[in-house]
Amino acid sequence: MTQPRIFKDSVQPPATEGVEYQNMQEDHCKAILGVRRGPWGLQMVCGKPRCLDVSGSRSSYCTDHLMMYTNQPRRA
């Protein structure tokens, strides 16, 4: 299985902070975090650079969230 690629021109925010939903840019991961901040109390999104999935299509998520959302859990 091919690993997703990250766009090199993306600016990555700090891993723990995320980005306010209204400040999300086109190349930011759209995974919603369980945190609300800012004056409007909006949900925070991941904000890491988006990647390409294994078929070469641009994903809405960063590598971590794409793997989390698309891989089935392994059974023991």
PDB file of N, CA and C in Angstrom:
ATOM      1  N   MET A   1       0.838  -1.183   0.000  1.00  0.00           N
ATOM      2  CA  MET A   1       0.000   0.000   0.000  1.00  0.00           C
ATOM      3  C   MET A   1       0.880   1.241   0.000  1.00  0.00           C
ATOM      4  N   THR A   2       0.572   2.174  -0.849  1.00  0.00           N
ATOM      5  CA  THR A   2       1.338   3.406  -0.962  1.00  0.00           C
ATOM      6  C   THR A   2       0.919   4.397   0.112  1.00  0.00           C
ATOM      7  N   GLN A   3       1.894   5.052   0.718  1.00  0.00           N
ATOM      8  CA  GLN A   3       1.605   6.057   1.745  1.00  0.00           C
ATOM      9  C   GLN A   3       1.122   7.352   1.090  1.00  0.00           C
ATOM     10  N   PRO A   4       0.185   8.068   1.712  1.00  0.00           N
ATOM     11  CA  PRO A   4      -0.257   9.359   1.182  1.00  0.00           C
ATOM     12  C   PRO A   4       0.894  10.359   1.144  1.00  0.00           C
ATOM     13  N   ARG A   5       0.849  11.284   0.166  1.00  0.00           N
ATOM     14  CA  ARG A   5       1.877  12.319   0.050  1.00  0.00           C
ATOM     15  C   ARG A   5       1.354  13.633   0.596  1.00  0.00           C
ATOM     16  N   ILE A   6       2.243  14.402   1.221  1.00  0.00           N
ATOM     17  CA  ILE A   6       1.888  15.717   1.754  1.00  0.00           C
ATOM     18  C   ILE A   6       2.344  16.777   0.760  1.00  0.00           C
ATOM     19  N   PHE A   7       1.504  17.785   0.546  1.00  0.00           N
ATOM     20  CA  PHE A   7       1.897  18.889  -0.316  1.00  0.00           C
ATOM     21  C   PHE A   7       3.010  19.672   0.361  1.00  0.00           C
ATOM     22  N   LYS A   8       4.096  19.903  -0.344  1.00  0.00           N
ATOM     23  CA  LYS A   8       5.272  20.550   0.235  1.00  0.00           C
ATOM     24  C   LYS A   8       5.097  22.044   0.493  1.00  0.00           C
ATOM     25  N   ASP A   9       4.175  22.702  -0.204  1.00  0.00           N
ATOM     26  CA  ASP A   9       4.015  24.148  -0.044  1.00  0.00           C
ATOM     27  C   ASP A   9       3.058  24.518   1.092  1.00  0.00           C
ATOM     28  N   SER A  10       2.560  23.540   1.829  1.00  0.00           N
ATOM     29  CA  SER A  10       1.609  23.806   2.910  1.00  0.00           C
ATOM     30  C   SER A  10       2.328  24.290   4.164  1.00  0.00           C
ATOM     31  N   VAL A  11       1.681  25.185   4.888  1.00  0.00           N
ATOM     32  CA  VAL A  11       2.210  25.672   6.158  1.00  0.00           C
ATOM     33  C   VAL A  11       1.534  24.882   7.261  1.00  0.00           C
ATOM     34  N   GLN A  12       2.320  24.284   8.133  1.00  0.00           N
ATOM     35  CA  GLN A  12       1.777  23.418   9.167  1.00  0.00           C
ATOM     36  C   GLN A  12       1.671  24.146  10.504  1.00  0.00           C
ATOM     37  N   PRO A  13       0.453  24.212  11.096  1.00  0.00           N
ATOM     38  CA  PRO A  13       0.307  24.828  12.412  1.00  0.00           C
ATOM     39  C   PRO A  13       0.835  23.896  13.501  1.00  0.00           C
ATOM     40  N   PRO A  14       1.020  24.394  14.706  1.00  0.00           N
ATOM     41  CA  PRO A  14       1.438  23.521  15.805  1.00  0.00           C
ATOM     42  C   PRO A  14       0.454  22.376  15.989  1.00  0.00           C
ATOM     43  N   ALA A  15       0.971  21.182  16.266  1.00  0.00           N
ATOM     44  CA  ALA A  15       0.159  19.963  16.311  1.00  0.00           C
ATOM     45  C   ALA A  15      -0.950  20.004  17.353  1.00  0.00           C
ATOM     46  N   THR A  16      -0.748  20.681  18.460  1.00  0.00           N
ATOM     47  CA  THR A  16      -1.732  20.647  19.539  1.00  0.00           C
ATOM     48  C   THR A  16      -2.802  21.723  19.421  1.00  0.00           C
ATOM     49  N   GLU A  17      -2.574  22.732  18.616  1.00  0.00           N
ATOM     50  CA  GLU A  17      -3.488  23.863  18.589  1.00  0.00           C
ATOM     51  C   GLU A  17      -4.608  23.742  17.578  1.00  0.00           C
ATOM     52  N   GLY A  18      -4.318  23.338  16.373  1.00  0.00           N
ATOM     53  CA  GLY A  18      -5.324  23.316  15.329  1.00  0.00           C
ATOM     54  C   GLY A  18      -5.599  24.717  14.816  1.00  0.00           C
ATOM     55  N   VAL A  19      -6.656  24.840  14.006  1.00  0.00           N
ATOM     56  CA  VAL A  19      -7.026  26.092  13.373  1.00  0.00           C
ATOM     57  C   VAL A  19      -8.517  26.315  13.596  1.00  0.00           C
ATOM     58  N   GLU A  20      -8.920  27.554  13.871  1.00  0.00           N
ATOM     59  CA  GLU A  20     -10.350  27.835  14.000  1.00  0.00           C
ATOM     60  C   GLU A  20     -11.032  27.557  12.670  1.00  0.00           C
ATOM     61  N   TYR A  21     -12.229  27.022  12.708  1.00  0.00           N
ATOM     62  CA  TYR A  21     -12.952  26.631  11.506  1.00  0.00           C
ATOM     63  C   TYR A  21     -13.037  27.777  10.498  1.00  0.00           C
ATOM     64  N   GLN A  22     -13.333  28.964  10.959  1.00  0.00           N
ATOM     65  CA  GLN A  22     -13.485  30.093  10.042  1.00  0.00           C
ATOM     66  C   GLN A  22     -12.157  30.566   9.449  1.00  0.00           C
ATOM     67  N   ASN A  23     -11.027  30.162  10.031  1.00  0.00           N
ATOM     68  CA  ASN A  23      -9.707  30.537   9.517  1.00  0.00           C
ATOM     69  C   ASN A  23      -9.052  29.428   8.705  1.00  0.00           C
ATOM     70  N   MET A  24      -9.788  28.343   8.476  1.00  0.00           N
ATOM     71  CA  MET A  24      -9.256  27.210   7.736  1.00  0.00           C
ATOM     72  C   MET A  24      -8.968  27.624   6.289  1.00  0.00           C
ATOM     73  N   GLN A  25      -7.815  27.208   5.781  1.00  0.00           N
ATOM     74  CA  GLN A  25      -7.444  27.500   4.403  1.00  0.00           C
ATOM     75  C   GLN A  25      -7.654  26.263   3.538  1.00  0.00           C
ATOM     76  N   GLU A  26      -7.550  26.447   2.241  1.00  0.00           N
ATOM     77  CA  GLU A  26      -7.833  25.366   1.297  1.00  0.00           C
ATOM     78  C   GLU A  26      -6.950  24.141   1.515  1.00  0.00           C
ATOM     79  N   ASP A  27      -5.697  24.352   1.892  1.00  0.00           N
ATOM     80  CA  ASP A  27      -4.785  23.216   2.042  1.00  0.00           C
ATOM     81  C   ASP A  27      -4.734  22.645   3.460  1.00  0.00           C
ATOM     82  N   HIS A  28      -5.628  23.064   4.337  1.00  0.00           N
ATOM     83  CA  HIS A  28      -5.662  22.555   5.706  1.00  0.00           C
ATOM     84  C   HIS A  28      -6.534  21.302   5.817  1.00  0.00           C
ATOM     85  N   CYS A  29      -6.099  20.381   6.668  1.00  0.00           N
ATOM     86  CA  CYS A  29      -6.880  19.183   6.987  1.00  0.00           C
ATOM     87  C   CYS A  29      -8.192  19.610   7.633  1.00  0.00           C
ATOM     88  N   LYS A  30      -9.289  19.008   7.214  1.00  0.00           N
ATOM     89  CA  LYS A  30     -10.614  19.399   7.683  1.00  0.00           C
ATOM     90  C   LYS A  30     -11.146  18.538   8.830  1.00  0.00           C
ATOM     91  N   ALA A  31     -10.304  17.700   9.408  1.00  0.00           N
ATOM     92  CA  ALA A  31     -10.729  16.855  10.529  1.00  0.00           C
ATOM     93  C   ALA A  31     -11.080  17.738  11.722  1.00  0.00           C
ATOM     94  N   ILE A  32     -12.261  17.538  12.266  1.00  0.00           N
ATOM     95  CA  ILE A  32     -12.738  18.360  13.384  1.00  0.00           C
ATOM     96  C   ILE A  32     -12.183  17.816  14.692  1.00  0.00           C
ATOM     97  N   LEU A  33     -11.578  18.696  15.477  1.00  0.00           N
ATOM     98  CA  LEU A  33     -11.045  18.333  16.784  1.00  0.00           C
ATOM     99  C   LEU A  33     -12.132  18.541  17.834  1.00  0.00           C
ATOM    100  N   GLY A  34     -12.000  17.916  18.965  1.00  0.00           N
ATOM    101  CA  GLY A  34     -12.988  18.031  20.027  1.00  0.00           C
ATOM    102  C   GLY A  34     -12.769  19.245  20.908  1.00  0.00           C
ATOM    103  N   VAL A  35     -12.377  20.361  20.314  1.00  0.00           N
ATOM    104  CA  VAL A  35     -12.042  21.571  21.068  1.00  0.00           C
ATOM    105  C   VAL A  35     -12.754  22.758  20.437  1.00  0.00           C
ATOM    106  N   ARG A  36     -13.253  23.650  21.274  1.00  0.00           N
ATOM    107  CA  ARG A  36     -13.838  24.910  20.793  1.00  0.00           C
ATOM    108  C   ARG A  36     -13.018  26.046  21.381  1.00  0.00           C
ATOM    109  N   ARG A  37     -12.648  27.010  20.535  1.00  0.00           N
ATOM    110  CA  ARG A  37     -11.868  28.161  20.997  1.00  0.00           C
ATOM    111  C   ARG A  37     -12.300  29.398  20.251  1.00  0.00           C
ATOM    112  N   GLY A  38     -11.699  30.488  20.620  1.00  0.00           N
ATOM    113  CA  GLY A  38     -11.935  31.749  19.934  1.00  0.00           C
ATOM    114  C   GLY A  38     -13.183  32.456  20.420  1.00  0.00           C
ATOM    115  N   PRO A  39     -13.382  33.671  19.960  1.00  0.00           N
ATOM    116  CA  PRO A  39     -14.503  34.479  20.429  1.00  0.00           C
ATOM    117  C   PRO A  39     -15.870  33.913  20.030  1.00  0.00           C
ATOM    118  N   TRP A  40     -15.921  33.125  18.959  1.00  0.00           N
ATOM    119  CA  TRP A  40     -17.197  32.566  18.508  1.00  0.00           C
ATOM    120  C   TRP A  40     -17.437  31.162  19.066  1.00  0.00           C
ATOM    121  N   GLY A  41     -16.434  30.591  19.683  1.00  0.00           N
ATOM    122  CA  GLY A  41     -16.578  29.243  20.221  1.00  0.00           C
ATOM    123  C   GLY A  41     -16.757  28.189  19.137  1.00  0.00           C
ATOM    124  N   LEU A  42     -16.131  28.404  17.983  1.00  0.00           N
ATOM    125  CA  LEU A  42     -16.254  27.454  16.880  1.00  0.00           C
ATOM    126  C   LEU A  42     -15.342  26.254  17.088  1.00  0.00           C
ATOM    127  N   GLN A  43     -15.698  25.151  16.461  1.00  0.00           N
ATOM    128  CA  GLN A  43     -14.870  23.956  16.523  1.00  0.00           C
ATOM    129  C   GLN A  43     -13.518  24.237  15.871  1.00  0.00           C
ATOM    130  N   MET A  44     -12.511  23.603  16.391  1.00  0.00           N
ATOM    131  CA  MET A  44     -11.175  23.679  15.808  1.00  0.00           C
ATOM    132  C   MET A  44     -11.018  22.524  14.826  1.00  0.00           C
ATOM    133  N   VAL A  45     -10.303  22.764  13.736  1.00  0.00           N
ATOM    134  CA  VAL A  45      -9.972  21.708  12.789  1.00  0.00           C
ATOM    135  C   VAL A  45      -8.481  21.439  12.865  1.00  0.00           C
ATOM    136  N   CYS A  46      -8.061  20.298  12.385  1.00  0.00           N
ATOM    137  CA  CYS A  46      -6.661  19.877  12.482  1.00  0.00           C
ATOM    138  C   CYS A  46      -5.719  20.925  11.887  1.00  0.00           C
ATOM    139  N   GLY A  47      -5.912  21.282  10.627  1.00  0.00           N
ATOM    140  CA  GLY A  47      -5.101  22.318  10.008  1.00  0.00           C
ATOM    141  C   GLY A  47      -3.765  21.877   9.450  1.00  0.00           C
ATOM    142  N   LYS A  48      -3.381  20.618   9.643  1.00  0.00           N
ATOM    143  CA  LYS A  48      -2.140  20.133   9.039  1.00  0.00           C
ATOM    144  C   LYS A  48      -2.324  20.082   7.521  1.00  0.00           C
ATOM    145  N   PRO A  49      -1.241  20.020   6.771  1.00  0.00           N
ATOM    146  CA  PRO A  49      -1.351  19.983   5.314  1.00  0.00           C
ATOM    147  C   PRO A  49      -2.112  18.753   4.820  1.00  0.00           C
ATOM    148  N   ARG A  50      -2.970  18.968   3.824  1.00  0.00           N
ATOM    149  CA  ARG A  50      -3.705  17.869   3.211  1.00  0.00           C
ATOM    150  C   ARG A  50      -2.750  17.014   2.389  1.00  0.00           C
ATOM    151  N   CYS A  51      -3.140  15.779   2.120  1.00  0.00           N
ATOM    152  CA  CYS A  51      -2.288  14.868   1.371  1.00  0.00           C
ATOM    153  C   CYS A  51      -3.062  14.252   0.214  1.00  0.00           C
ATOM    154  N   LEU A  52      -2.366  13.478  -0.587  1.00  0.00           N
ATOM    155  CA  LEU A  52      -2.997  12.707  -1.650  1.00  0.00           C
ATOM    156  C   LEU A  52      -3.264  11.302  -1.128  1.00  0.00           C
ATOM    157  N   ASP A  53      -4.428  10.752  -1.481  1.00  0.00           N
ATOM    158  CA  ASP A  53      -4.702   9.382  -1.044  1.00  0.00           C
ATOM    159  C   ASP A  53      -3.990   8.399  -1.977  1.00  0.00           C
ATOM    160  N   VAL A  54      -4.189   7.109  -1.753  1.00  0.00           N
ATOM    161  CA  VAL A  54      -3.449   6.097  -2.503  1.00  0.00           C
ATOM    162  C   VAL A  54      -3.792   6.086  -3.990  1.00  0.00           C
ATOM    163  N   SER A  55      -4.941   6.625  -4.375  1.00  0.00           N
ATOM    164  CA  SER A  55      -5.309   6.673  -5.791  1.00  0.00           C
ATOM    165  C   SER A  55      -4.794   7.941  -6.474  1.00  0.00           C
ATOM    166  N   GLY A  56      -4.174   8.834  -5.704  1.00  0.00           N
ATOM    167  CA  GLY A  56      -3.627  10.065  -6.257  1.00  0.00           C
ATOM    168  C   GLY A  56      -4.578  11.247  -6.195  1.00  0.00           C
ATOM    169  N   SER A  57      -5.768  11.048  -5.630  1.00  0.00           N
ATOM    170  CA  SER A  57      -6.737  12.134  -5.478  1.00  0.00           C
ATOM    171  C   SER A  57      -6.403  12.947  -4.241  1.00  0.00           C
ATOM    172  N   ARG A  58      -6.693  14.228  -4.283  1.00  0.00           N
ATOM    173  CA  ARG A  58      -6.428  15.092  -3.132  1.00  0.00           C
ATOM    174  C   ARG A  58      -7.448  14.781  -2.041  1.00  0.00           C
ATOM    175  N   SER A  59      -6.963  14.434  -0.885  1.00  0.00           N
ATOM    176  CA  SER A  59      -7.812  14.108   0.261  1.00  0.00           C
ATOM    177  C   SER A  59      -8.210  15.387   0.994  1.00  0.00           C
ATOM    178  N   SER A  60      -9.235  15.299   1.808  1.00  0.00           N
ATOM    179  CA  SER A  60      -9.627  16.422   2.657  1.00  0.00           C
ATOM    180  C   SER A  60      -8.865  16.413   3.975  1.00  0.00           C
ATOM    181  N   TYR A  61      -8.025  15.400   4.169  1.00  0.00           N
ATOM    182  CA  TYR A  61      -7.381  15.188   5.455  1.00  0.00           C
ATOM    183  C   TYR A  61      -5.862  15.107   5.339  1.00  0.00           C
ATOM    184  N   CYS A  62      -5.188  15.279   6.479  1.00  0.00           N
ATOM    185  CA  CYS A  62      -3.742  15.081   6.563  1.00  0.00           C
ATOM    186  C   CYS A  62      -3.474  13.569   6.564  1.00  0.00           C
ATOM    187  N   THR A  63      -2.220  13.201   6.519  1.00  0.00           N
ATOM    188  CA  THR A  63      -1.856  11.787   6.489  1.00  0.00           C
ATOM    189  C   THR A  63      -2.415  11.044   7.698  1.00  0.00           C
ATOM    190  N   ASP A  64      -2.275  11.608   8.892  1.00  0.00           N
ATOM    191  CA  ASP A  64      -2.734  10.937  10.107  1.00  0.00           C
ATOM    192  C   ASP A  64      -4.240  10.699  10.093  1.00  0.00           C
ATOM    193  N   HIS A  65      -5.011  11.724   9.771  1.00  0.00           N
ATOM    194  CA  HIS A  65      -6.458  11.570   9.784  1.00  0.00           C
ATOM    195  C   HIS A  65      -6.958  10.701   8.627  1.00  0.00           C
ATOM    196  N   LEU A  66      -6.310  10.786   7.479  1.00  0.00           N
ATOM    197  CA  LEU A  66      -6.689   9.923   6.363  1.00  0.00           C
ATOM    198  C   LEU A  66      -6.517   8.458   6.750  1.00  0.00           C
ATOM    199  N   MET A  67      -5.394   8.133   7.358  1.00  0.00           N
ATOM    200  CA  MET A  67      -5.148   6.755   7.791  1.00  0.00           C
ATOM    201  C   MET A  67      -6.146   6.339   8.867  1.00  0.00           C
ATOM    202  N   MET A  68      -6.463   7.247   9.769  1.00  0.00           N
ATOM    203  CA  MET A  68      -7.399   6.948  10.853  1.00  0.00           C
ATOM    204  C   MET A  68      -8.809   6.694  10.318  1.00  0.00           C
ATOM    205  N   TYR A  69      -9.233   7.491   9.355  1.00  0.00           N
ATOM    206  CA  TYR A  69     -10.600   7.413   8.854  1.00  0.00           C
ATOM    207  C   TYR A  69     -10.813   6.349   7.785  1.00  0.00           C
ATOM    208  N   THR A  70      -9.763   5.928   7.084  1.00  0.00           N
ATOM    209  CA  THR A  70      -9.962   4.997   5.982  1.00  0.00           C
ATOM    210  C   THR A  70      -9.502   3.580   6.255  1.00  0.00           C
ATOM    211  N   ASN A  71      -8.652   3.346   7.230  1.00  0.00           N
ATOM    212  CA  ASN A  71      -8.190   1.991   7.525  1.00  0.00           C
ATOM    213  C   ASN A  71      -9.130   1.306   8.505  1.00  0.00           C
ATOM    214  N   GLN A  72      -9.467   0.074   8.191  1.00  0.00           N
ATOM    215  CA  GLN A  72     -10.302  -0.714   9.095  1.00  0.00           C
ATOM    216  C   GLN A  72      -9.492  -1.154  10.299  1.00  0.00           C
ATOM    217  N   PRO A  73     -10.130  -1.248  11.484  1.00  0.00           N
ATOM    218  CA  PRO A  73      -9.396  -1.734  12.655  1.00  0.00           C
ATOM    219  C   PRO A  73      -8.946  -3.177  12.445  1.00  0.00           C
ATOM    220  N   ARG A  74      -7.792  -3.490  12.966  1.00  0.00           N
ATOM    221  CA  ARG A  74      -7.286  -4.867  12.856  1.00  0.00           C
ATOM    222  C   ARG A  74      -7.866  -5.724  13.954  1.00  0.00           C
ATOM    223  N   ARG A  75      -8.205  -6.922  13.595  1.00  0.00           N
ATOM    224  CA  ARG A  75      -8.711  -7.885  14.596  1.00  0.00           C
ATOM    225  C   ARG A  75      -7.594  -8.789  15.053  1.00  0.00           C
ATOM    226  N   ALA A  76      -7.629  -9.129  16.314  1.00  0.00           N
ATOM    227  CA  ALA A  76      -6.575  -9.975  16.882  1.00  0.00           C
ATOM    228  C   ALA A  76      -6.746 -11.420  16.483  1.00  0.00           C
TER     229      ALA A  76
END
